[in-house]
């Protein structure tokens, strides 16, 4: 099994920045594609960004493209999400997820992920 723990959430004013981290533990050798999702109150969980195991391929939702950067450090079993120019509509609980499917690609659908973190709250005030 893999355990994931997010950190870095908080309250920030619109236009500000935050950096989320997600540290994996346990069977880290089985960590392949990873992703960030978010869920706002009353809404479904949606993909924000995804990254391949090597880190060379990334995906971003249109709503965050150009503002968020997803990266990973496999030596530290850590996934990052740098969030700049934050907007009130970015307010949500952010979750990291990992797939143990042996693959060089990233995944955009939640169903492809096997383990999830507990989530970290990001609140952007206007």
Foldseek 3Di string as FASTA:
>chain_A
DKAKAKDWADEEAAQAKIKMKIAIDDPLVLFFKKFKWWDAPPGDIFTAKIAGRVRPDMDGDPVQPPFWDWGDDSVRRMIMIIGGRDDQVVWTWMKMFTASPPDRGHDGDPVRTDDMYPTDTHGYHD
